[in-house]
C-alpha atoms as a PDB file:
ATOM      1  CA  MET A   1      23.416  -9.271   8.073  1.00  0.00           C
ATOM      2  CA  GLU A   2      21.223 -12.383   8.799  1.00  0.00           C
ATOM      3  CA  MET A   3      17.688 -12.363   8.081  1.00  0.00           C
ATOM      4  CA  LYS A   4      15.274 -15.063   8.249  1.00  0.00           C
ATOM      5  CA  PRO A   5      12.622 -15.577   5.662  1.00  0.00           C
ATOM      6  CA  LEU A   6       8.961 -15.670   6.478  1.00  0.00           C
ATOM      7  CA  VAL A   7       7.828 -18.990   6.413  1.00  0.00           C
ATOM      8  CA  PHE A   8       4.978 -19.776   4.149  1.00  0.00           C
ATOM      9  CA  GLU A   9       2.390 -22.515   5.177  1.00  0.00           C
ATOM     10  CA  LEU A  10       1.115 -24.228   2.193  1.00  0.00           C
ATOM     11  CA  ALA A  11      -1.341 -26.285   3.780  1.00  0.00           C
ATOM     12  CA  VAL A  12      -3.314 -23.370   5.118  1.00  0.00           C
ATOM     13  CA  ALA A  13      -3.118 -21.618   1.648  1.00  0.00           C
ATOM     14  CA  LYS A  14      -4.371 -24.278  -0.355  1.00  0.00           C
ATOM     15  CA  ASN A  15      -8.050 -23.484   1.088  1.00  0.00           C
ATOM     16  CA  LYS A  16      -7.705 -19.678   0.644  1.00  0.00           C
ATOM     17  CA  PRO A  17     -10.101 -18.154  -2.144  1.00  0.00           C
ATOM     18  CA  HIS A  18      -8.201 -16.726  -5.055  1.00  0.00           C
ATOM     19  CA  SER A  19      -9.856 -14.096  -7.664  1.00  0.00           C
ATOM     20  CA  TYR A  20      -7.116 -14.637 -10.212  1.00  0.00           C
ATOM     21  CA  ARG A  21      -7.088 -18.444 -10.670  1.00  0.00           C
ATOM     22  CA  LYS A  22      -7.860 -19.630 -14.015  1.00  0.00           C
ATOM     23  CA  THR A  23     -10.876 -21.805 -13.075  1.00  0.00           C
ATOM     24  CA  LYS A  24     -14.313 -21.636 -14.402  1.00  0.00           C
ATOM     25  CA  ASN A  25     -16.069 -21.703 -10.915  1.00  0.00           C
ATOM     26  CA  LYS A  26     -14.465 -18.582  -9.021  1.00  0.00           C
ATOM     27  CA  ALA A  27     -14.839 -18.748  -5.494  1.00  0.00           C
ATOM     28  CA  ILE A  28     -17.519 -16.674  -3.434  1.00  0.00           C
ATOM     29  CA  CYS A  29     -15.677 -13.300  -2.226  1.00  0.00           C
ATOM     30  CA  PRO A  30     -15.831 -13.674   1.840  1.00  0.00           C
ATOM     31  CA  PHE A  31     -15.439  -9.929   1.931  1.00  0.00           C
ATOM     32  CA  CYS A  32     -18.717  -9.679   0.640  1.00  0.00           C
ATOM     33  CA  GLN A  33     -20.164 -11.957   2.994  1.00  0.00           C
ATOM     34  CA  VAL A  34     -20.073  -9.414   5.827  1.00  0.00           C
ATOM     35  CA  ALA A  35     -22.710 -11.185   7.910  1.00  0.00           C
ATOM     36  CA  ASP A  36     -20.704 -14.337   7.727  1.00  0.00           C
ATOM     37  CA  LEU A  37     -17.361 -12.134   9.128  1.00  0.00           C
ATOM     38  CA  THR A  38     -15.880 -13.191  12.505  1.00  0.00           C
ATOM     39  CA  ASP A  39     -12.938 -11.894  14.794  1.00  0.00           C
ATOM     40  CA  ILE A  40     -13.441  -8.240  14.058  1.00  0.00           C
ATOM     41  CA  TYR A  41     -11.292  -6.095  15.730  1.00  0.00           C
ATOM     42  CA  GLN A  42     -12.716  -2.506  14.623  1.00  0.00           C
ATOM     43  CA  GLN A  43     -15.543  -1.296  12.250  1.00  0.00           C
ATOM     44  CA  THR A  44     -16.434   2.134  11.140  1.00  0.00           C
ATOM     45  CA  GLY A  45     -19.040   1.865   8.436  1.00  0.00           C
ATOM     46  CA  ASP A  46     -18.156  -0.437   5.764  1.00  0.00           C
ATOM     47  CA  MET A  47     -14.475  -0.325   6.808  1.00  0.00           C
ATOM     48  CA  ILE A  48     -13.700  -3.555   8.799  1.00  0.00           C
ATOM     49  CA  TRP A  49     -10.260  -4.400  10.741  1.00  0.00           C
ATOM     50  CA  LEU A  50     -10.469  -8.170  11.369  1.00  0.00           C
ATOM     51  CA  HIS A  51      -8.362 -11.245  12.123  1.00  0.00           C
ATOM     52  CA  ASN A  52      -7.285 -13.118   8.968  1.00  0.00           C
ATOM     53  CA  LYS A  53      -9.280 -16.893   8.318  1.00  0.00           C
ATOM     54  CA  PHE A  54      -6.215 -17.997   6.507  1.00  0.00           C
ATOM     55  CA  PRO A  55      -2.652 -17.106   8.200  1.00  0.00           C
ATOM     56  CA  THR A  56      -0.165 -18.478   5.619  1.00  0.00           C
ATOM     57  CA  LEU A  57       2.781 -17.101   7.447  1.00  0.00           C
ATOM     58  CA  ARG A  58       4.223 -18.811  10.485  1.00  0.00           C
ATOM     59  CA  ASP A  59       4.858 -16.754  13.623  1.00  0.00           C
ATOM     60  CA  THR A  60       2.968 -13.941  12.705  1.00  0.00           C
ATOM     61  CA  VAL A  61      -0.486 -12.560  13.338  1.00  0.00           C
ATOM     62  CA  GLN A  62      -2.307 -11.597  10.212  1.00  0.00           C
ATOM     63  CA  THR A  63      -5.249  -9.101  10.087  1.00  0.00           C
ATOM     64  CA  VAL A  64      -7.307  -7.790   7.018  1.00  0.00           C
ATOM     65  CA  LEU A  65      -8.611  -4.528   6.836  1.00  0.00           C
ATOM     66  CA  ILE A  66     -11.828  -4.163   4.407  1.00  0.00           C
ATOM     67  CA  GLU A  67     -11.505  -1.035   2.466  1.00  0.00           C
ATOM     68  CA  ALA A  68     -15.293  -0.722   1.368  1.00  0.00           C
ATOM     69  CA  SER A  69     -18.639  -2.468   0.739  1.00  0.00           C
ATOM     70  CA  ASP A  70     -18.109  -2.060  -2.979  1.00  0.00           C
ATOM     71  CA  HIS A  71     -16.297  -5.105  -4.657  1.00  0.00           C
ATOM     72  CA  HIS A  72     -14.637  -3.547  -7.065  1.00  0.00           C
ATOM     73  CA  GLY A  73     -14.005  -0.313  -5.325  1.00  0.00           C
ATOM     74  CA  ASP A  74     -10.313   1.170  -4.850  1.00  0.00           C
ATOM     75  CA  ILE A  75      -8.619   4.061  -3.777  1.00  0.00           C
ATOM     76  CA  VAL A  76      -8.343   5.411  -7.129  1.00  0.00           C
ATOM     77  CA  ASN A  77     -12.653   5.691  -7.276  1.00  0.00           C
ATOM     78  CA  TYR A  78     -13.563   6.485  -3.420  1.00  0.00           C
ATOM     79  CA  SER A  79     -14.818   9.807  -2.693  1.00  0.00           C
ATOM     80  CA  VAL A  80     -12.038  12.281  -1.814  1.00  0.00           C
ATOM     81  CA  ALA A  81     -14.019  12.214   1.844  1.00  0.00           C
ATOM     82  CA  TYR A  82     -13.966   8.483   1.813  1.00  0.00           C
ATOM     83  CA  ASN A  83     -10.809   8.004   1.159  1.00  0.00           C
ATOM     84  CA  ARG A  84      -9.457  10.444   3.890  1.00  0.00           C
ATOM     85  CA  ARG A  85     -11.653   8.189   6.451  1.00  0.00           C
ATOM     86  CA  LEU A  86     -10.109   4.922   5.031  1.00  0.00           C
ATOM     87  CA  LEU A  87      -6.494   6.122   5.374  1.00  0.00           C
ATOM     88  CA  SER A  88      -7.513   7.622   8.755  1.00  0.00           C
ATOM     89  CA  PHE A  89      -9.214   4.375   9.931  1.00  0.00           C
ATOM     90  CA  ALA A  90      -6.086   2.338   8.736  1.00  0.00           C
ATOM     91  CA  LEU A  91      -3.493   4.670  10.326  1.00  0.00           C
ATOM     92  CA  ASP A  92      -5.286   3.975  13.688  1.00  0.00           C
ATOM     93  CA  CYS A  93      -5.448   0.490  13.395  1.00  0.00           C
ATOM     94  CA  PHE A  94      -1.922   0.236  12.599  1.00  0.00           C
ATOM     95  CA  ASN A  95      -0.624   2.477  15.199  1.00  0.00           C
ATOM     96  CA  LYS A  96      -2.771  -0.078  17.801  1.00  0.00           C
ATOM     97  CA  MET A  97      -0.760  -3.033  16.321  1.00  0.00           C
ATOM     98  CA  GLN A  98       2.382  -1.076  17.014  1.00  0.00           C
ATOM     99  CA  GLN A  99       1.595   0.282  20.266  1.00  0.00           C
ATOM    100  CA  SER A 100       0.368  -3.336  21.818  1.00  0.00           C
ATOM    101  CA  LYS A 101       4.283  -4.193  21.670  1.00  0.00           C
ATOM    102  CA  LEU A 102       3.552  -7.721  21.012  1.00  0.00           C
ATOM    103  CA  PHE A 103       5.411  -7.878  17.883  1.00  0.00           C
ATOM    104  CA  LYS A 104       9.072  -7.512  16.671  1.00  0.00           C
ATOM    105  CA  SER A 105       7.770  -5.358  13.909  1.00  0.00           C
ATOM    106  CA  VAL A 106       4.398  -4.582  12.278  1.00  0.00           C
ATOM    107  CA  LEU A 107       3.765  -4.492   8.492  1.00  0.00           C
ATOM    108  CA  TRP A 108       1.218  -2.477   6.603  1.00  0.00           C
ATOM    109  CA  TYR A 109       0.769  -2.755   2.950  1.00  0.00           C
ATOM    110  CA  LYS A 110      -1.847  -3.005   0.104  1.00  0.00           C
ATOM    111  CA  ASN A 111      -2.084  -5.077  -3.086  1.00  0.00           C
ATOM    112  CA  TYR A 112      -4.018  -3.972  -6.355  1.00  0.00           C
ATOM    113  CA  GLY A 113      -4.301  -5.912  -9.591  1.00  0.00           C
ATOM    114  CA  PRO A 114      -3.325  -9.442 -10.894  1.00  0.00           C
ATOM    115  CA  HIS A 115       0.510  -8.455 -10.766  1.00  0.00           C
ATOM    116  CA  SER A 116       0.498  -7.276  -7.288  1.00  0.00           C
ATOM    117  CA  GLY A 117       0.835 -10.469  -5.488  1.00  0.00           C
ATOM    118  CA  GLY A 118      -2.781 -10.330  -3.883  1.00  0.00           C
ATOM    119  CA  SER A 119      -5.121 -13.050  -4.188  1.00  0.00           C
ATOM    120  CA  LEU A 120      -8.703 -11.250  -3.967  1.00  0.00           C
ATOM    121  CA  VAL A 121     -10.070  -8.402  -5.987  1.00  0.00           C
ATOM    122  CA  HIS A 122     -12.104  -7.019  -3.201  1.00  0.00           C
ATOM    123  CA  PRO A 123     -10.417  -3.700  -2.102  1.00  0.00           C
ATOM    124  CA  HIS A 124      -8.460  -4.450   1.100  1.00  0.00           C
ATOM    125  CA  MET A 125      -5.086  -4.065   3.331  1.00  0.00           C
ATOM    126  CA  GLN A 126      -2.926  -6.125   5.629  1.00  0.00           C
ATOM    127  CA  LEU A 127      -1.696  -5.509   8.616  1.00  0.00           C
ATOM    128  CA  VAL A 128       0.669  -8.205   9.672  1.00  0.00           C
ATOM    129  CA  GLY A 129       2.765  -8.415  13.257  1.00  0.00           C
ATOM    130  CA  LEU A 130       5.986 -10.417  12.981  1.00  0.00           C
ATOM    131  CA  ASN A 131       6.506 -12.070  15.945  1.00  0.00           C
ATOM    132  CA  ASN A 132      10.394 -12.460  15.673  1.00  0.00           C
ATOM    133  CA  ILE A 133      11.597 -10.704  12.667  1.00  0.00           C
ATOM    134  CA  ASP A 134      12.044  -7.252  11.835  1.00  0.00           C
ATOM    135  CA  GLY A 135      10.615  -6.415   8.511  1.00  0.00           C
ATOM    136  CA  TYR A 136      12.310  -3.309   7.922  1.00  0.00           C
ATOM    137  CA  SER A 137      16.100  -4.993   7.969  1.00  0.00           C
ATOM    138  CA  TYR A 138      16.374  -3.730   4.492  1.00  0.00           C
ATOM    139  CA  ILE A 139      14.795  -0.686   4.360  1.00  0.00           C
ATOM    140  CA  ASN A 140      16.542   2.790   5.366  1.00  0.00           C
ATOM    141  CA  GLU A 141      15.743   6.423   5.137  1.00  0.00           C
ATOM    142  CA  LYS A 142      17.002   7.005   1.887  1.00  0.00           C
ATOM    143  CA  ASN A 143      14.453   4.914   0.481  1.00  0.00           C
ATOM    144  CA  PHE A 144      11.801   7.665   1.571  1.00  0.00           C
ATOM    145  CA  SER A 145      14.015  10.558  -0.389  1.00  0.00           C
ATOM    146  CA  GLY A 146      13.956  11.846  -3.939  1.00  0.00           C
ATOM    147  CA  ILE A 147      13.088  14.496  -6.286  1.00  0.00           C
ATOM    148  CA  THR A 148      10.664  16.769  -4.022  1.00  0.00           C
ATOM    149  CA  LEU A 149       7.546  17.899  -6.175  1.00  0.00           C
ATOM    150  CA  PHE A 150       5.689  18.924  -3.493  1.00  0.00           C
ATOM    151  CA  ASN A 151       6.511  20.288   0.528  1.00  0.00           C
ATOM    152  CA  GLU A 152       3.638  21.633   2.214  1.00  0.00           C
ATOM    153  CA  GLU A 153       1.602  21.405   5.263  1.00  0.00           C
ATOM    154  CA  ASP A 154       3.339  18.930   6.818  1.00  0.00           C
ATOM    155  CA  VAL A 155       3.581  16.358   3.670  1.00  0.00           C
ATOM    156  CA  GLU A 156       6.385  15.733   1.597  1.00  0.00           C
ATOM    157  CA  VAL A 157       6.080  13.940  -1.835  1.00  0.00           C
ATOM    158  CA  ASN A 158       9.218  12.887  -4.121  1.00  0.00           C
ATOM    159  CA  VAL A 159       9.988  10.534  -6.941  1.00  0.00           C
ATOM    160  CA  ALA A 160      12.319   7.933  -5.124  1.00  0.00           C
ATOM    161  CA  THR A 161      16.160   8.248  -6.164  1.00  0.00           C
ATOM    162  CA  GLN A 162      16.953   5.356  -4.148  1.00  0.00           C
ATOM    163  CA  PRO A 163      13.872   2.691  -4.639  1.00  0.00           C
ATOM    164  CA  VAL A 164      13.294  -0.500  -2.764  1.00  0.00           C
ATOM    165  CA  GLN A 165      12.957  -2.256  -5.851  1.00  0.00           C
ATOM    166  CA  GLY A 166      12.686   0.454  -8.915  1.00  0.00           C
ATOM    167  CA  TYR A 167      12.512   1.558 -11.351  1.00  0.00           C
ATOM    168  CA  GLU A 168      10.015   4.699 -10.372  1.00  0.00           C
ATOM    169  CA  GLU A 169       8.765   4.621  -6.995  1.00  0.00           C
ATOM    170  CA  LEU A 170       6.579   7.746  -5.445  1.00  0.00           C
ATOM    171  CA  ASN A 171       6.999   8.539  -1.806  1.00  0.00           C
ATOM    172  CA  ILE A 172       4.292  10.136   0.128  1.00  0.00           C
ATOM    173  CA  ASN A 173       5.586  11.210   3.351  1.00  0.00           C
ATOM    174  CA  LEU A 174       3.371  12.294   6.355  1.00  0.00           C
ATOM    175  CA  LEU A 175       5.457  14.566   8.571  1.00  0.00           C
ATOM    176  CA  ASN A 176       2.961  15.864  11.063  1.00  0.00           C
ATOM    177  CA  ILE A 177      -0.435  13.955  11.740  1.00  0.00           C
ATOM    178  CA  ALA A 178      -2.181  17.565  11.168  1.00  0.00           C
ATOM    179  CA  GLY A 179      -1.515  16.651   7.571  1.00  0.00           C
ATOM    180  CA  VAL A 180      -3.232  13.442   7.495  1.00  0.00           C
ATOM    181  CA  ASN A 181      -6.122  14.538   4.846  1.00  0.00           C
ATOM    182  CA  LEU A 182      -3.735  16.222   2.261  1.00  0.00           C
ATOM    183  CA  TRP A 183      -1.743  12.795   2.847  1.00  0.00           C
ATOM    184  CA  ALA A 184      -4.591  11.078   2.063  1.00  0.00           C
ATOM    185  CA  ASP A 185      -5.530  13.272  -1.197  1.00  0.00           C
ATOM    186  CA  TRP A 186      -1.945  12.601  -2.231  1.00  0.00           C
ATOM    187  CA  ILE A 187      -2.145   8.959  -1.956  1.00  0.00           C
ATOM    188  CA  GLN A 188      -5.388   9.047  -4.083  1.00  0.00           C
ATOM    189  CA  ILE A 189      -3.897  11.207  -6.757  1.00  0.00           C
ATOM    190  CA  GLY A 190      -0.667   9.311  -6.609  1.00  0.00           C
ATOM    191  CA  VAL A 191      -2.713   5.955  -7.442  1.00  0.00           C
ATOM    192  CA  LYS A 192      -4.331   7.696 -10.337  1.00  0.00           C
ATOM    193  CA  TYR A 193      -1.256   9.032 -11.685  1.00  0.00           C
ATOM    194  CA  LEU A 194       0.339   5.406 -11.518  1.00  0.00           C
ATOM    195  CA  LEU A 195      -2.445   3.649 -13.100  1.00  0.00           C
ATOM    196  CA  SER A 196      -3.426   6.306 -15.986  1.00  0.00           C
ATOM    197  CA  VAL A 197      -0.098   8.119 -16.905  1.00  0.00           C
ATOM    198  CA  MET A 198       2.996   6.543 -15.122  1.00  0.00           C
ATOM    199  CA  ASN A 199       4.778   4.437 -17.992  1.00  0.00           C
ATOM    200  CA  GLN A 200       1.967   5.467 -20.440  1.00  0.00           C
ATOM    201  CA  GLY A 201      -0.801   3.952 -18.247  1.00  0.00           C
ATOM    202  CA  ARG A 202       0.526   0.526 -18.866  1.00  0.00           C
ATOM    203  CA  ALA A 203       0.456  -0.467 -15.060  1.00  0.00           C
ATOM    204  CA  ASP A 204      -2.881  -2.565 -14.379  1.00  0.00           C
ATOM    205  CA  SER A 205      -1.184  -3.201 -11.011  1.00  0.00           C
ATOM    206  CA  TYR A 206       0.404  -1.483  -7.850  1.00  0.00           C
ATOM    207  CA  ASN A 207       1.564  -2.023  -3.886  1.00  0.00           C
ATOM    208  CA  LEU A 208       1.052   0.485  -1.549  1.00  0.00           C
ATOM    209  CA  PHE A 209       3.717  -0.056   1.375  1.00  0.00           C
ATOM    210  CA  PHE A 210       3.561   2.040   4.581  1.00  0.00           C
ATOM    211  CA  TYR A 211       6.901   2.657   6.612  1.00  0.00           C
ATOM    212  CA  PRO A 212       7.460   4.161  10.236  1.00  0.00           C
ATOM    213  CA  ARG A 213      10.186   6.723   9.790  1.00  0.00           C
ATOM    214  CA  GLU A 214      12.770   6.695  12.228  1.00  0.00           C
ATOM    215  CA  MET A 215      12.496  10.809  12.415  1.00  0.00           C
ATOM    216  CA  GLY A 216       8.629  10.669  12.932  1.00  0.00           C
ATOM    217  CA  GLY A 217       5.647  10.433  10.704  1.00  0.00           C
ATOM    218  CA  ILE A 218       4.929   7.699   8.071  1.00  0.00           C
ATOM    219  CA  CYS A 219       6.044   7.089   4.344  1.00  0.00           C
ATOM    220  CA  ALA A 220       3.436   5.790   1.711  1.00  0.00           C
ATOM    221  CA  LYS A 221       5.474   4.415  -0.948  1.00  0.00           C
ATOM    222  CA  LEU A 222       3.521   3.589  -4.483  1.00  0.00           C
ATOM    223  CA  VAL A 223       5.157   0.802  -6.484  1.00  0.00           C
ATOM    224  CA  PRO A 224       3.900   0.244  -9.952  1.00  0.00           C
ATOM    225  CA  ARG A 225       3.941  -3.824 -10.613  1.00  0.00           C
ATOM    226  CA  PHE A 226       5.578  -5.724 -13.576  1.00  0.00           C
ATOM    227  CA  ALA A 227       7.523  -8.400 -13.475  1.00  0.00           C
ATOM    228  CA  ALA A 228      10.408  -7.887 -10.933  1.00  0.00           C
ATOM    229  CA  PRO A 229      13.899  -7.367 -12.489  1.00  0.00           C
ATOM    230  CA  PRO A 230      16.227 -10.263 -12.593  1.00  0.00           C
ATOM    231  CA  TYR A 231      18.881  -7.984 -10.636  1.00  0.00           C
ATOM    232  CA  PHE A 232      16.604  -7.465  -7.476  1.00  0.00           C
ATOM    233  CA  VAL A 233      15.136 -11.055  -7.731  1.00  0.00           C
ATOM    234  CA  GLY A 234      18.900 -12.749  -7.836  1.00  0.00           C
ATOM    235  CA  TYR A 235      21.155 -10.294  -6.083  1.00  0.00           C
ATOM    236  CA  LYS A 236      18.495  -7.727  -4.272  1.00  0.00           C
ATOM    237  CA  LEU A 237      19.524  -5.032  -6.450  1.00  0.00           C
ATOM    238  CA  SER A 238      17.115  -2.158  -6.823  1.00  0.00           C
ATOM    239  CA  GLN A 239      17.538  -0.182 -10.218  1.00  0.00           C
ATOM    240  CA  VAL A 240      16.345   3.272 -10.753  1.00  0.00           C
ATOM    241  CA  ASN A 241      15.552   5.212 -14.001  1.00  0.00           C
ATOM    242  CA  ASP A 242      18.205   7.904 -14.897  1.00  0.00           C
ATOM    243  CA  GLU A 243      18.047  11.602 -13.459  1.00  0.00           C
ATOM    244  CA  VAL A 244      16.558  13.439 -16.449  1.00  0.00           C
ATOM    245  CA  THR A 245      13.533  10.510 -16.471  1.00  0.00           C
ATOM    246  CA  LEU A 246      12.639  10.940 -12.818  1.00  0.00           C
ATOM    247  CA  ALA A 247      12.893  14.699 -13.004  1.00  0.00           C
ATOM    248  CA  ASN A 248      10.433  14.566 -15.689  1.00  0.00           C
ATOM    249  CA  GLU A 249       8.021  12.110 -13.880  1.00  0.00           C
ATOM    250  CA  ALA A 250       8.360  14.404 -10.539  1.00  0.00           C
ATOM    251  CA  LYS A 251       7.184  17.590 -12.846  1.00  0.00           C
ATOM    252  CA  LYS A 252       4.347  15.681 -14.705  1.00  0.00           C
ATOM    253  CA  LEU A 253       3.058  14.313 -11.384  1.00  0.00           C
ATOM    254  CA  ARG A 254       3.076  17.928  -9.854  1.00  0.00           C
ATOM    255  CA  ALA A 255       0.987  18.852 -12.826  1.00  0.00           C
ATOM    256  CA  PHE A 256      -1.575  15.990 -12.610  1.00  0.00           C
ATOM    257  CA  TYR A 257      -1.824  16.771  -8.886  1.00  0.00           C
ATOM    258  CA  GLU A 258      -2.515  20.623  -9.977  1.00  0.00           C
ATOM    259  CA  GLN A 259      -5.126  19.517 -12.604  1.00  0.00           C
ATOM    260  CA  GLN A 260      -6.766  17.107 -10.152  1.00  0.00           C
ATOM    261  CA  GLN A 261      -7.280  20.019  -7.393  1.00  0.00           C
ATOM    262  CA  GLU A 262      -8.985  21.961 -10.196  1.00  0.00           C
ATOM    263  CA  VAL A 263     -11.398  18.864 -11.036  1.00  0.00           C
ATOM    264  CA  ASN A 264     -12.105  18.507  -7.210  1.00  0.00           C
ATOM    265  CA  ASN A 265     -12.590  22.111  -6.457  1.00  0.00           C
ATOM    266  CA  GLU A 266     -15.472  21.902  -9.796  1.00  0.00           C
ATOM    267  CA  GLU A 267     -17.009  18.976  -7.976  1.00  0.00           C
ATOM    268  CA  ASP A 268     -17.335  20.789  -4.577  1.00  0.00           C
END
């Protein structure tokens, strides 16, 4: 399989603001300066989809989706209602890019935390149109399956048995658009679980990737971020934890979901 790499434009990246650089004078967050934003495609309240001012990848159209006005916000601390609106808004933007037929493929993902590969703290997602590359060449349907812990109302959730990188990835599959709110709830609960319970709460960073599935629907894949294992870096070989560990993770996540549901019901 021939897979051309994405070309990174260093000259553009040099001027890009970065929240995690070890400098005394941090750059002013551009996403907090709403009045100065330009090239806005769509906006709903604090949610803003716009063109990326620092397109560091050649032969792409890079866009940013600002999630909220709170500089330190995240899926983990949004209200249930706000998170539902956010995921619906983002899904709509993603569908518009895909349906435009302007790109070979469209990627949708989110970085969170210092080890996620992101550059800015302010909560945002990225939607990137690739002109000449199929960004899903290394991905297949098996990456979205695993030990099922929830399968109701158009949403299926599992712990991946064939992860993209490893060792433990959570797949939250939207099977039908009617279940989009439940899907958003599971994404939020998955993020809370990943940051507080999984790996004894050692993860301070994660990636959230969204994949359109061949059978229809979309998979939201949650990946805790640590240093990438050498087998993946050197050989593109993913690793996965043993079957007993994965089964225990599925059981714990299901229990965490039920606990969170009780908390949400009490708050309502």
